[in-house]
C-alpha atoms as a PDB file:
ATOM      1  CA  UNK A   1      77.652-137.906 277.663  1.00  0.00           C
ATOM      2  CA  UNK A   2      78.858-140.966 275.786  1.00  0.00           C
ATOM      3  CA  UNK A   3      82.084-141.101 274.458  1.00  0.00           C
ATOM      4  CA  UNK A   4      80.396-141.491 271.026  1.00  0.00           C
ATOM      5  CA  UNK A   5      78.082-137.812 271.604  1.00  0.00           C
ATOM      6  CA  UNK A   6      81.483-136.483 272.728  1.00  0.00           C
ATOM      7  CA  UNK A   7      83.186-137.305 269.361  1.00  0.00           C
ATOM      8  CA  UNK A   8      79.914-135.662 267.604  1.00  0.00           C
ATOM      9  CA  UNK A   9      80.533-132.890 269.347  1.00  0.00           C
ATOM     10  CA  UNK A  10      83.757-132.505 267.496  1.00  0.00           C
ATOM     11  CA  UNK A  11      82.490-132.752 264.248  1.00  0.00           C
ATOM     12  CA  UNK A  12      81.503-129.853 261.580  1.00  0.00           C
ATOM     13  CA  UNK A  13      78.520-131.239 259.670  1.00  0.00           C
ATOM     14  CA  UNK A  14      79.293-129.194 257.140  1.00  0.00           C
ATOM     15  CA  UNK A  15      82.934-130.847 256.494  1.00  0.00           C
ATOM     16  CA  UNK A  16      83.257-134.395 254.711  1.00  0.00           C
ATOM     17  CA  UNK A  17      84.514-136.857 257.488  1.00  0.00           C
ATOM     18  CA  UNK A  18      87.042-139.513 256.946  1.00  0.00           C
ATOM     19  CA  UNK A  19      87.498-142.685 258.732  1.00  0.00           C
ATOM     20  CA  UNK A  20      90.695-144.095 258.657  1.00  0.00           C
ATOM     21  CA  UNK A  21      92.367-147.339 259.511  1.00  0.00           C
ATOM     22  CA  UNK A  22      95.903-147.922 259.856  1.00  0.00           C
ATOM     23  CA  UNK A  23      98.372-148.604 256.631  1.00  0.00           C
ATOM     24  CA  UNK A  24      97.858-152.586 255.411  1.00  0.00           C
ATOM     25  CA  UNK A  25      94.621-153.134 257.512  1.00  0.00           C
ATOM     26  CA  UNK A  26      93.497-155.882 259.360  1.00  0.00           C
ATOM     27  CA  UNK A  27      90.180-157.041 260.233  1.00  0.00           C
ATOM     28  CA  UNK A  28      89.786-155.120 263.324  1.00  0.00           C
ATOM     29  CA  UNK A  29      90.793-152.056 261.619  1.00  0.00           C
ATOM     30  CA  UNK A  30      88.258-152.483 259.010  1.00  0.00           C
ATOM     31  CA  UNK A  31      85.401-153.845 261.260  1.00  0.00           C
ATOM     32  CA  UNK A  32      85.687-150.416 263.361  1.00  0.00           C
ATOM     33  CA  UNK A  33      86.113-148.310 260.616  1.00  0.00           C
ATOM     34  CA  UNK A  34      82.630-149.992 259.035  1.00  0.00           C
ATOM     35  CA  UNK A  35      81.056-150.119 262.375  1.00  0.00           C
ATOM     36  CA  UNK A  36      81.696-146.268 263.466  1.00  0.00           C
ATOM     37  CA  UNK A  37      80.940-145.110 259.539  1.00  0.00           C
ATOM     38  CA  UNK A  38      77.176-146.770 259.922  1.00  0.00           C
ATOM     39  CA  UNK A  39      76.675-145.480 263.400  1.00  0.00           C
ATOM     40  CA  UNK A  40      77.209-142.147 262.094  1.00  0.00           C
ATOM     41  CA  UNK A  41      74.935-142.673 259.410  1.00  0.00           C
ATOM     42  CA  UNK A  42      72.176-143.311 261.821  1.00  0.00           C
ATOM     43  CA  UNK A  43      72.987-139.530 263.152  1.00  0.00           C
ATOM     44  CA  UNK A  44      72.910-137.957 259.806  1.00  0.00           C
ATOM     45  CA  UNK A  45      76.374-137.963 259.359  1.00  0.00           C
ATOM     46  CA  UNK A  46      77.927-139.397 256.234  1.00  0.00           C
ATOM     47  CA  UNK A  47      81.371-140.642 256.281  1.00  0.00           C
ATOM     48  CA  UNK A  48      84.268-142.281 253.829  1.00  0.00           C
ATOM     49  CA  UNK A  49      86.317-145.144 255.106  1.00  0.00           C
ATOM     50  CA  UNK A  50      89.982-145.400 253.665  1.00  0.00           C
ATOM     51  CA  UNK A  51      93.446-146.824 254.644  1.00  0.00           C
ATOM     52  CA  UNK A  52      96.983-146.556 253.573  1.00  0.00           C
ATOM     53  CA  UNK A  53      99.198-148.987 251.556  1.00  0.00           C
ATOM     54  CA  UNK A  54      96.861-152.112 250.359  1.00  0.00           C
ATOM     55  CA  UNK A  55      95.040-155.078 251.588  1.00  0.00           C
ATOM     56  CA  UNK A  56      97.063-157.632 251.913  1.00  0.00           C
ATOM     57  CA  UNK A  57      94.757-160.435 253.494  1.00  0.00           C
ATOM     58  CA  UNK A  58      92.582-162.567 251.145  1.00  0.00           C
ATOM     59  CA  UNK A  59      90.202-163.386 253.945  1.00  0.00           C
ATOM     60  CA  UNK A  60      89.835-159.473 254.902  1.00  0.00           C
ATOM     61  CA  UNK A  61      88.888-158.699 250.925  1.00  0.00           C
ATOM     62  CA  UNK A  62      86.329-161.867 251.022  1.00  0.00           C
ATOM     63  CA  UNK A  63      84.670-160.102 253.958  1.00  0.00           C
ATOM     64  CA  UNK A  64      84.992-156.925 252.780  1.00  0.00           C
ATOM     65  CA  UNK A  65      83.054-157.937 249.832  1.00  0.00           C
ATOM     66  CA  UNK A  66      80.718-160.514 251.842  1.00  0.00           C
ATOM     67  CA  UNK A  67      79.679-157.573 254.043  1.00  0.00           C
ATOM     68  CA  UNK A  68      79.683-154.563 251.528  1.00  0.00           C
ATOM     69  CA  UNK A  69      82.035-152.575 253.151  1.00  0.00           C
ATOM     70  CA  UNK A  70      82.872-149.461 250.996  1.00  0.00           C
ATOM     71  CA  UNK A  71      86.394-148.871 252.101  1.00  0.00           C
ATOM     72  CA  UNK A  72      89.049-146.881 249.546  1.00  0.00           C
ATOM     73  CA  UNK A  73      92.848-146.660 249.409  1.00  0.00           C
ATOM     74  CA  UNK A  74      94.203-143.323 250.347  1.00  0.00           C
ATOM     75  CA  UNK A  75      95.521-143.369 246.429  1.00  0.00           C
ATOM     76  CA  UNK A  76      91.765-143.652 244.919  1.00  0.00           C
ATOM     77  CA  UNK A  77      90.594-141.016 247.519  1.00  0.00           C
ATOM     78  CA  UNK A  78      93.693-138.806 246.119  1.00  0.00           C
ATOM     79  CA  UNK A  79      92.402-139.463 242.525  1.00  0.00           C
ATOM     80  CA  UNK A  80      88.876-139.439 243.024  1.00  0.00           C
ATOM     81  CA  UNK A  81      87.975-137.124 245.614  1.00  0.00           C
ATOM     82  CA  UNK A  82      90.119-134.253 245.796  1.00  0.00           C
ATOM     83  CA  UNK A  83      87.648-132.297 247.683  1.00  0.00           C
ATOM     84  CA  UNK A  84      88.525-134.289 251.031  1.00  0.00           C
ATOM     85  CA  UNK A  85      91.035-132.215 251.348  1.00  0.00           C
ATOM     86  CA  UNK A  86      88.966-130.558 253.986  1.00  0.00           C
ATOM     87  CA  UNK A  87      88.108-133.601 255.999  1.00  0.00           C
ATOM     88  CA  UNK A  88      88.015-134.135 259.321  1.00  0.00           C
ATOM     89  CA  UNK A  89      89.892-137.219 259.970  1.00  0.00           C
ATOM     90  CA  UNK A  90      88.818-139.883 262.480  1.00  0.00           C
ATOM     91  CA  UNK A  91      91.602-142.519 263.103  1.00  0.00           C
ATOM     92  CA  UNK A  92      90.651-146.310 264.494  1.00  0.00           C
ATOM     93  CA  UNK A  93      92.834-148.514 265.635  1.00  0.00           C
ATOM     94  CA  UNK A  94      96.176-146.629 265.573  1.00  0.00           C
ATOM     95  CA  UNK A  95      97.618-143.512 266.431  1.00  0.00           C
ATOM     96  CA  UNK A  96      98.874-140.105 265.045  1.00  0.00           C
ATOM     97  CA  UNK A  97     101.965-139.924 263.563  1.00  0.00           C
ATOM     98  CA  UNK A  98     102.820-143.842 263.899  1.00  0.00           C
ATOM     99  CA  UNK A  99     105.001-145.142 260.870  1.00  0.00           C
ATOM    100  CA  UNK A 100     101.783-147.086 259.742  1.00  0.00           C
ATOM    101  CA  UNK A 101      99.278-144.418 259.413  1.00  0.00           C
ATOM    102  CA  UNK A 102      99.835-142.900 255.892  1.00  0.00           C
ATOM    103  CA  UNK A 103      99.444-138.932 255.826  1.00  0.00           C
ATOM    104  CA  UNK A 104      96.333-138.215 254.521  1.00  0.00           C
ATOM    105  CA  UNK A 105      95.014-134.321 253.376  1.00  0.00           C
ATOM    106  CA  UNK A 106      92.701-132.815 256.271  1.00  0.00           C
ATOM    107  CA  UNK A 107      92.849-132.562 259.911  1.00  0.00           C
ATOM    108  CA  UNK A 108      92.711-135.338 262.313  1.00  0.00           C
ATOM    109  CA  UNK A 109      90.146-134.144 265.029  1.00  0.00           C
ATOM    110  CA  UNK A 110      89.922-137.692 266.985  1.00  0.00           C
ATOM    111  CA  UNK A 111      91.506-140.965 267.707  1.00  0.00           C
ATOM    112  CA  UNK A 112      89.829-144.350 268.988  1.00  0.00           C
ATOM    113  CA  UNK A 113      92.189-147.214 269.710  1.00  0.00           C
ATOM    114  CA  UNK A 114      93.411-150.123 271.882  1.00  0.00           C
ATOM    115  CA  UNK A 115      97.159-149.282 271.911  1.00  0.00           C
ATOM    116  CA  UNK A 116      98.898-147.852 274.365  1.00  0.00           C
ATOM    117  CA  UNK A 117     100.377-144.162 272.601  1.00  0.00           C
ATOM    118  CA  UNK A 118     103.408-143.112 273.348  1.00  0.00           C
ATOM    119  CA  UNK A 119     102.064-139.273 274.431  1.00  0.00           C
ATOM    120  CA  UNK A 120      98.656-138.550 274.983  1.00  0.00           C
ATOM    121  CA  UNK A 121      96.839-137.505 271.760  1.00  0.00           C
ATOM    122  CA  UNK A 122      96.534-133.429 271.572  1.00  0.00           C
ATOM    123  CA  UNK A 123      93.371-133.748 269.652  1.00  0.00           C
ATOM    124  CA  UNK A 124      89.871-132.546 269.872  1.00  0.00           C
ATOM    125  CA  UNK A 125      88.747-135.565 271.082  1.00  0.00           C
ATOM    126  CA  UNK A 126      89.798-139.093 271.879  1.00  0.00           C
ATOM    127  CA  UNK A 127      89.156-142.638 273.269  1.00  0.00           C
ATOM    128  CA  UNK A 128      92.008-145.071 273.660  1.00  0.00           C
ATOM    129  CA  UNK A 129      91.270-147.912 276.248  1.00  0.00           C
ATOM    130  CA  UNK A 130      94.501-150.369 276.306  1.00  0.00           C
ATOM    131  CA  UNK A 131      92.674-152.653 278.112  1.00  0.00           C
ATOM    132  CA  UNK A 132      90.431-153.639 275.421  1.00  0.00           C
ATOM    133  CA  UNK A 133      91.205-156.973 273.419  1.00  0.00           C
ATOM    134  CA  UNK A 134      89.957-155.276 270.298  1.00  0.00           C
ATOM    135  CA  UNK A 135      89.181-152.106 269.061  1.00  0.00           C
ATOM    136  CA  UNK A 136      85.957-153.630 267.698  1.00  0.00           C
ATOM    137  CA  UNK A 137      84.743-153.682 271.145  1.00  0.00           C
ATOM    138  CA  UNK A 138      84.865-150.333 271.707  1.00  0.00           C
ATOM    139  CA  UNK A 139      82.404-149.787 268.791  1.00  0.00           C
ATOM    140  CA  UNK A 140      80.184-152.543 270.249  1.00  0.00           C
ATOM    141  CA  UNK A 141      80.061-150.272 273.513  1.00  0.00           C
ATOM    142  CA  UNK A 142      79.122-147.233 271.638  1.00  0.00           C
ATOM    143  CA  UNK A 143      75.715-148.989 269.628  1.00  0.00           C
ATOM    144  CA  UNK A 144      75.244-150.286 273.193  1.00  0.00           C
ATOM    145  CA  UNK A 145      75.436-146.801 274.542  1.00  0.00           C
ATOM    146  CA  UNK A 146      73.547-145.154 272.216  1.00  0.00           C
ATOM    147  CA  UNK A 147      70.724-148.131 272.045  1.00  0.00           C
ATOM    148  CA  UNK A 148      71.317-148.177 268.334  1.00  0.00           C
ATOM    149  CA  UNK A 149      70.538-151.508 266.739  1.00  0.00           C
ATOM    150  CA  UNK A 150      73.636-153.517 265.274  1.00  0.00           C
ATOM    151  CA  UNK A 151      72.802-155.052 262.051  1.00  0.00           C
ATOM    152  CA  UNK A 152      73.877-158.433 260.952  1.00  0.00           C
ATOM    153  CA  UNK A 153      76.538-157.345 258.915  1.00  0.00           C
ATOM    154  CA  UNK A 154      78.072-154.928 261.358  1.00  0.00           C
ATOM    155  CA  UNK A 155      77.768-157.456 263.969  1.00  0.00           C
ATOM    156  CA  UNK A 156      79.709-159.905 261.729  1.00  0.00           C
ATOM    157  CA  UNK A 157      82.437-157.579 260.936  1.00  0.00           C
ATOM    158  CA  UNK A 158      82.875-156.747 264.733  1.00  0.00           C
ATOM    159  CA  UNK A 159      83.207-160.289 265.541  1.00  0.00           C
ATOM    160  CA  UNK A 160      85.742-160.814 262.855  1.00  0.00           C
ATOM    161  CA  UNK A 161      87.586-158.083 264.492  1.00  0.00           C
ATOM    162  CA  UNK A 162      87.354-159.233 268.283  1.00  0.00           C
ATOM    163  CA  UNK A 163      88.200-162.978 267.153  1.00  0.00           C
ATOM    164  CA  UNK A 164      91.230-161.689 264.885  1.00  0.00           C
ATOM    165  CA  UNK A 165      92.884-159.634 267.894  1.00  0.00           C
ATOM    166  CA  UNK A 166      92.061-162.220 270.581  1.00  0.00           C
ATOM    167  CA  UNK A 167      93.319-165.277 268.418  1.00  0.00           C
ATOM    168  CA  UNK A 168      89.780-166.700 268.792  1.00  0.00           C
ATOM    169  CA  UNK A 169      89.226-165.329 272.544  1.00  0.00           C
ATOM    170  CA  UNK A 170      92.429-166.806 273.945  1.00  0.00           C
ATOM    171  CA  UNK A 171      94.290-163.815 274.855  1.00  0.00           C
ATOM    172  CA  UNK A 172      93.860-160.412 275.746  1.00  0.00           C
ATOM    173  CA  UNK A 173      90.124-160.760 276.682  1.00  0.00           C
ATOM    174  CA  UNK A 174      89.121-158.372 279.064  1.00  0.00           C
ATOM    175  CA  UNK A 175      85.226-158.792 280.733  1.00  0.00           C
ATOM    176  CA  UNK A 176      83.908-156.392 278.166  1.00  0.00           C
ATOM    177  CA  UNK A 177      85.312-158.125 274.940  1.00  0.00           C
ATOM    178  CA  UNK A 178      83.735-161.096 276.497  1.00  0.00           C
ATOM    179  CA  UNK A 179      80.195-159.349 276.668  1.00  0.00           C
ATOM    180  CA  UNK A 180      80.504-157.873 273.362  1.00  0.00           C
ATOM    181  CA  UNK A 181      81.391-161.655 271.862  1.00  0.00           C
ATOM    182  CA  UNK A 182      78.566-163.036 273.649  1.00  0.00           C
ATOM    183  CA  UNK A 183      76.259-160.115 272.522  1.00  0.00           C
ATOM    184  CA  UNK A 184      77.598-160.284 268.957  1.00  0.00           C
ATOM    185  CA  UNK A 185      77.368-164.318 268.347  1.00  0.00           C
ATOM    186  CA  UNK A 186      73.531-163.810 268.623  1.00  0.00           C
ATOM    187  CA  UNK A 187      73.388-160.848 266.190  1.00  0.00           C
ATOM    188  CA  UNK A 188      76.048-161.775 263.295  1.00  0.00           C
ATOM    189  CA  UNK A 189      77.078-164.881 261.306  1.00  0.00           C
ATOM    190  CA  UNK A 190      79.676-166.265 263.267  1.00  0.00           C
ATOM    191  CA  UNK A 191      80.111-169.513 261.379  1.00  0.00           C
ATOM    192  CA  UNK A 192      81.051-167.171 258.122  1.00  0.00           C
ATOM    193  CA  UNK A 193      83.350-165.305 260.310  1.00  0.00           C
ATOM    194  CA  UNK A 194      84.809-167.743 261.811  1.00  0.00           C
ATOM    195  CA  UNK A 195      85.666-169.615 258.606  1.00  0.00           C
ATOM    196  CA  UNK A 196      86.709-166.732 256.750  1.00  0.00           C
ATOM    197  CA  UNK A 197      89.443-166.102 259.328  1.00  0.00           C
ATOM    198  CA  UNK A 198      89.930-170.116 259.599  1.00  0.00           C
ATOM    199  CA  UNK A 199      90.733-170.058 256.095  1.00  0.00           C
ATOM    200  CA  UNK A 200      93.136-167.438 255.837  1.00  0.00           C
ATOM    201  CA  UNK A 201      96.379-169.588 254.463  1.00  0.00           C
ATOM    202  CA  UNK A 202      97.164-170.772 250.874  1.00  0.00           C
ATOM    203  CA  UNK A 203      99.189-173.508 249.909  1.00  0.00           C
ATOM    204  CA  UNK A 204     101.702-170.847 248.731  1.00  0.00           C
ATOM    205  CA  UNK A 205     102.158-169.535 252.374  1.00  0.00           C
ATOM    206  CA  UNK A 206     103.670-173.086 253.281  1.00  0.00           C
ATOM    207  CA  UNK A 207     106.700-172.404 252.040  1.00  0.00           C
ATOM    208  CA  UNK A 208     106.850-169.116 254.501  1.00  0.00           C
ATOM    209  CA  UNK A 209     106.592-171.762 257.256  1.00  0.00           C
ATOM    210  CA  UNK A 210     108.962-174.071 255.884  1.00  0.00           C
ATOM    211  CA  UNK A 211     111.466-171.438 256.005  1.00  0.00           C
ATOM    212  CA  UNK A 212     110.429-170.238 259.355  1.00  0.00           C
ATOM    213  CA  UNK A 213     111.327-173.572 260.768  1.00  0.00           C
ATOM    214  CA  UNK A 214     114.527-173.437 258.956  1.00  0.00           C
ATOM    215  CA  UNK A 215     115.750-170.348 260.045  1.00  0.00           C
ATOM    216  CA  UNK A 216     114.322-169.653 263.717  1.00  0.00           C
ATOM    217  CA  UNK A 217     116.763-169.008 266.109  1.00  0.00           C
ATOM    218  CA  UNK A 218     116.172-169.840 269.642  1.00  0.00           C
ATOM    219  CA  UNK A 219     117.969-168.604 272.993  1.00  0.00           C
ATOM    220  CA  UNK A 220     115.853-169.997 276.182  1.00  0.00           C
ATOM    221  CA  UNK A 221     112.051-169.039 275.806  1.00  0.00           C
ATOM    222  CA  UNK A 222     112.612-166.672 272.725  1.00  0.00           C
ATOM    223  CA  UNK A 223     112.527-167.393 269.040  1.00  0.00           C
ATOM    224  CA  UNK A 224     113.639-164.944 266.541  1.00  0.00           C
ATOM    225  CA  UNK A 225     112.556-165.915 263.042  1.00  0.00           C
ATOM    226  CA  UNK A 226     114.157-163.940 259.954  1.00  0.00           C
ATOM    227  CA  UNK A 227     112.296-164.322 256.726  1.00  0.00           C
ATOM    228  CA  UNK A 228     113.321-164.010 253.374  1.00  0.00           C
ATOM    229  CA  UNK A 229     110.060-165.280 251.093  1.00  0.00           C
ATOM    230  CA  UNK A 230     107.834-162.170 250.740  1.00  0.00           C
ATOM    231  CA  UNK A 231     104.547-162.801 252.669  1.00  0.00           C
ATOM    232  CA  UNK A 232     101.685-160.806 254.018  1.00  0.00           C
ATOM    233  CA  UNK A 233     101.744-158.809 257.686  1.00  0.00           C
ATOM    234  CA  UNK A 234      98.777-161.710 258.247  1.00  0.00           C
ATOM    235  CA  UNK A 235     100.790-164.668 257.572  1.00  0.00           C
ATOM    236  CA  UNK A 236     103.686-163.056 259.389  1.00  0.00           C
ATOM    237  CA  UNK A 237     101.141-163.047 262.541  1.00  0.00           C
ATOM    238  CA  UNK A 238     100.459-166.642 262.049  1.00  0.00           C
ATOM    239  CA  UNK A 239     103.762-167.514 261.572  1.00  0.00           C
ATOM    240  CA  UNK A 240     104.434-165.826 265.417  1.00  0.00           C
ATOM    241  CA  UNK A 241     101.425-167.492 266.573  1.00  0.00           C
ATOM    242  CA  UNK A 242     102.450-171.049 265.591  1.00  0.00           C
ATOM    243  CA  UNK A 243     105.992-170.739 267.164  1.00  0.00           C
ATOM    244  CA  UNK A 244     104.315-169.419 270.517  1.00  0.00           C
ATOM    245  CA  UNK A 245     102.386-172.762 270.789  1.00  0.00           C
ATOM    246  CA  UNK A 246     105.659-174.583 271.436  1.00  0.00           C
ATOM    247  CA  UNK A 247     105.798-175.499 274.968  1.00  0.00           C
ATOM    248  CA  UNK A 248     108.884-173.877 275.259  1.00  0.00           C
ATOM    249  CA  UNK A 249     108.393-170.688 273.364  1.00  0.00           C
ATOM    250  CA  UNK A 250     106.972-167.466 275.420  1.00  0.00           C
ATOM    251  CA  UNK A 251     108.481-164.767 273.111  1.00  0.00           C
ATOM    252  CA  UNK A 252     108.354-164.698 269.303  1.00  0.00           C
ATOM    253  CA  UNK A 253     109.709-162.278 267.043  1.00  0.00           C
ATOM    254  CA  UNK A 254     109.162-162.434 263.295  1.00  0.00           C
ATOM    255  CA  UNK A 255     111.187-160.083 260.992  1.00  0.00           C
ATOM    256  CA  UNK A 256     110.592-159.656 256.946  1.00  0.00           C
ATOM    257  CA  UNK A 257     112.115-157.188 254.504  1.00  0.00           C
ATOM    258  CA  UNK A 258     109.477-155.514 252.407  1.00  0.00           C
ATOM    259  CA  UNK A 259     109.744-152.919 249.843  1.00  0.00           C
ATOM    260  CA  UNK A 260     110.903-150.032 251.782  1.00  0.00           C
ATOM    261  CA  UNK A 261     111.199-151.213 255.036  1.00  0.00           C
ATOM    262  CA  UNK A 262     111.730-153.998 257.445  1.00  0.00           C
ATOM    263  CA  UNK A 263     108.521-155.428 259.257  1.00  0.00           C
ATOM    264  CA  UNK A 264     108.253-157.246 262.869  1.00  0.00           C
ATOM    265  CA  UNK A 265     105.680-159.313 264.048  1.00  0.00           C
ATOM    266  CA  UNK A 266     105.635-159.949 268.097  1.00  0.00           C
ATOM    267  CA  UNK A 267     103.528-162.142 270.047  1.00  0.00           C
ATOM    268  CA  UNK A 268     104.459-162.931 274.065  1.00  0.00           C
ATOM    269  CA  UNK A 269     102.653-164.788 276.689  1.00  0.00           C
ATOM    270  CA  UNK A 270     104.942-163.517 279.123  1.00  0.00           C
ATOM    271  CA  UNK A 271     103.362-161.212 281.340  1.00  0.00           C
ATOM    272  CA  UNK A 272     106.629-159.724 282.407  1.00  0.00           C
ATOM    273  CA  UNK A 273     107.337-159.125 278.733  1.00  0.00           C
ATOM    274  CA  UNK A 274     104.485-157.390 277.004  1.00  0.00           C
ATOM    275  CA  UNK A 275     105.018-157.167 273.426  1.00  0.00           C
ATOM    276  CA  UNK A 276     104.226-153.835 273.084  1.00  0.00           C
ATOM    277  CA  UNK A 277     106.828-152.373 275.828  1.00  0.00           C
ATOM    278  CA  UNK A 278     109.571-154.755 274.647  1.00  0.00           C
ATOM    279  CA  UNK A 279     108.951-153.706 270.620  1.00  0.00           C
ATOM    280  CA  UNK A 280     109.159-150.021 271.465  1.00  0.00           C
ATOM    281  CA  UNK A 281     112.639-150.375 273.462  1.00  0.00           C
ATOM    282  CA  UNK A 282     113.950-152.738 271.182  1.00  0.00           C
ATOM    283  CA  UNK A 283     113.569-150.363 267.929  1.00  0.00           C
ATOM    284  CA  UNK A 284     114.300-147.295 269.901  1.00  0.00           C
ATOM    285  CA  UNK A 285     116.311-144.915 267.513  1.00  0.00           C
ATOM    286  CA  UNK A 286     115.853-147.092 264.582  1.00  0.00           C
ATOM    287  CA  UNK A 287     112.205-147.691 263.983  1.00  0.00           C
ATOM    288  CA  UNK A 288     108.637-147.152 265.442  1.00  0.00           C
ATOM    289  CA  UNK A 289     106.223-149.953 266.887  1.00  0.00           C
ATOM    290  CA  UNK A 290     103.664-150.760 269.678  1.00  0.00           C
ATOM    291  CA  UNK A 291     101.045-153.259 270.512  1.00  0.00           C
ATOM    292  CA  UNK A 292      99.350-154.530 273.581  1.00  0.00           C
ATOM    293  CA  UNK A 293     100.916-157.019 276.528  1.00  0.00           C
ATOM    294  CA  UNK A 294     100.506-160.561 274.026  1.00  0.00           C
ATOM    295  CA  UNK A 295     100.775-158.605 270.201  1.00  0.00           C
ATOM    296  CA  UNK A 296     102.964-155.803 268.582  1.00  0.00           C
ATOM    297  CA  UNK A 297     104.390-154.941 265.470  1.00  0.00           C
ATOM    298  CA  UNK A 298     106.531-152.205 264.332  1.00  0.00           C
ATOM    299  CA  UNK A 299     108.632-151.320 261.099  1.00  0.00           C
ATOM    300  CA  UNK A 300     112.412-150.145 260.679  1.00  0.00           C
ATOM    301  CA  UNK A 301     113.307-148.093 257.607  1.00  0.00           C
ATOM    302  CA  UNK A 302     115.966-150.054 255.501  1.00  0.00           C
ATOM    303  CA  UNK A 303     118.789-147.415 255.984  1.00  0.00           C
ATOM    304  CA  UNK A 304     118.671-147.984 259.704  1.00  0.00           C
ATOM    305  CA  UNK A 305     118.441-151.593 259.999  1.00  0.00           C
ATOM    306  CA  UNK A 306     121.147-152.807 261.904  1.00  0.00           C
ATOM    307  CA  UNK A 307     121.316-156.486 260.864  1.00  0.00           C
ATOM    308  CA  UNK A 308     119.646-159.905 261.530  1.00  0.00           C
ATOM    309  CA  UNK A 309     122.017-160.209 264.263  1.00  0.00           C
ATOM    310  CA  UNK A 310     121.890-156.792 265.684  1.00  0.00           C
ATOM    311  CA  UNK A 311     118.132-156.910 265.448  1.00  0.00           C
ATOM    312  CA  UNK A 312     117.905-160.233 267.596  1.00  0.00           C
ATOM    313  CA  UNK A 313     120.725-159.056 270.188  1.00  0.00           C
ATOM    314  CA  UNK A 314     118.093-155.583 270.492  1.00  0.00           C
ATOM    315  CA  UNK A 315     115.295-157.472 271.755  1.00  0.00           C
ATOM    316  CA  UNK A 316     117.568-160.084 274.000  1.00  0.00           C
ATOM    317  CA  UNK A 317     118.775-156.390 275.612  1.00  0.00           C
ATOM    318  CA  UNK A 318     115.132-155.555 275.991  1.00  0.00           C
ATOM    319  CA  UNK A 319     113.831-159.161 277.658  1.00  0.00           C
ATOM    320  CA  UNK A 320     116.721-158.824 279.785  1.00  0.00           C
ATOM    321  CA  UNK A 321     118.602-161.969 278.450  1.00  0.00           C
END
């Protein structure tokens, strides 16, 4: 039995199915949801794709439009499809109870993810593979195992997801990610996918980079960057990647205040300081976070934020500095 058929076995075909990406989703989350929805449809099961928060990435909005991905915010679902309170929810690229997973009426029946969860899910089915560079790679494997043809649109979406989460195949790449990328490269529109990812900044975002350069605090190989200017999670991640390209820097933390909490984006190229583990240690008791060896993220409620200096010291302690 494949992992996909295990998922099919727990679904009640008489009840609606929701595929939920994490809040403020990225390319990998949307691609995974899209590919899974299409695969379920090939088995006669209709699914609705959704997310919490909003789409904040211009390149992701373009990808959704160009690839014809039908995905809805949780607000739109509650307003227009009240019958989905009986839905079966499949969470992708995230885990149950995380702060970046909006609660939606219905019952969670499965999780498909590539992050290390804090606990083993108590669910009818789950498929968690922390060794994979992207959640999109898991869906490639589903299609491969089931012998289902991958459409050009699905292939392009999965390419976007893999390239985004592996920084164009330069971090966290496992053999199966490489296999998926090679296969999808010849099925999807890799040129369009690359263009959408590479052209994700605007002139407006340059002010954020200017502030980051002026405000960065460096201790040995650790860079801490508090941002005051409003920016999207995508831009925060690009700022973190930018500083990780500096020869002397091996661990980066970018901090930015949002409306209801503080958001954190983390990057690491030190194998002894995995980003997901460090951020969970640094945020223990005040927030939540997680990720992989090379990248991670988290949030802190406004009332629990220890201040910029306190936050920097928490990360230094988590890093053993």
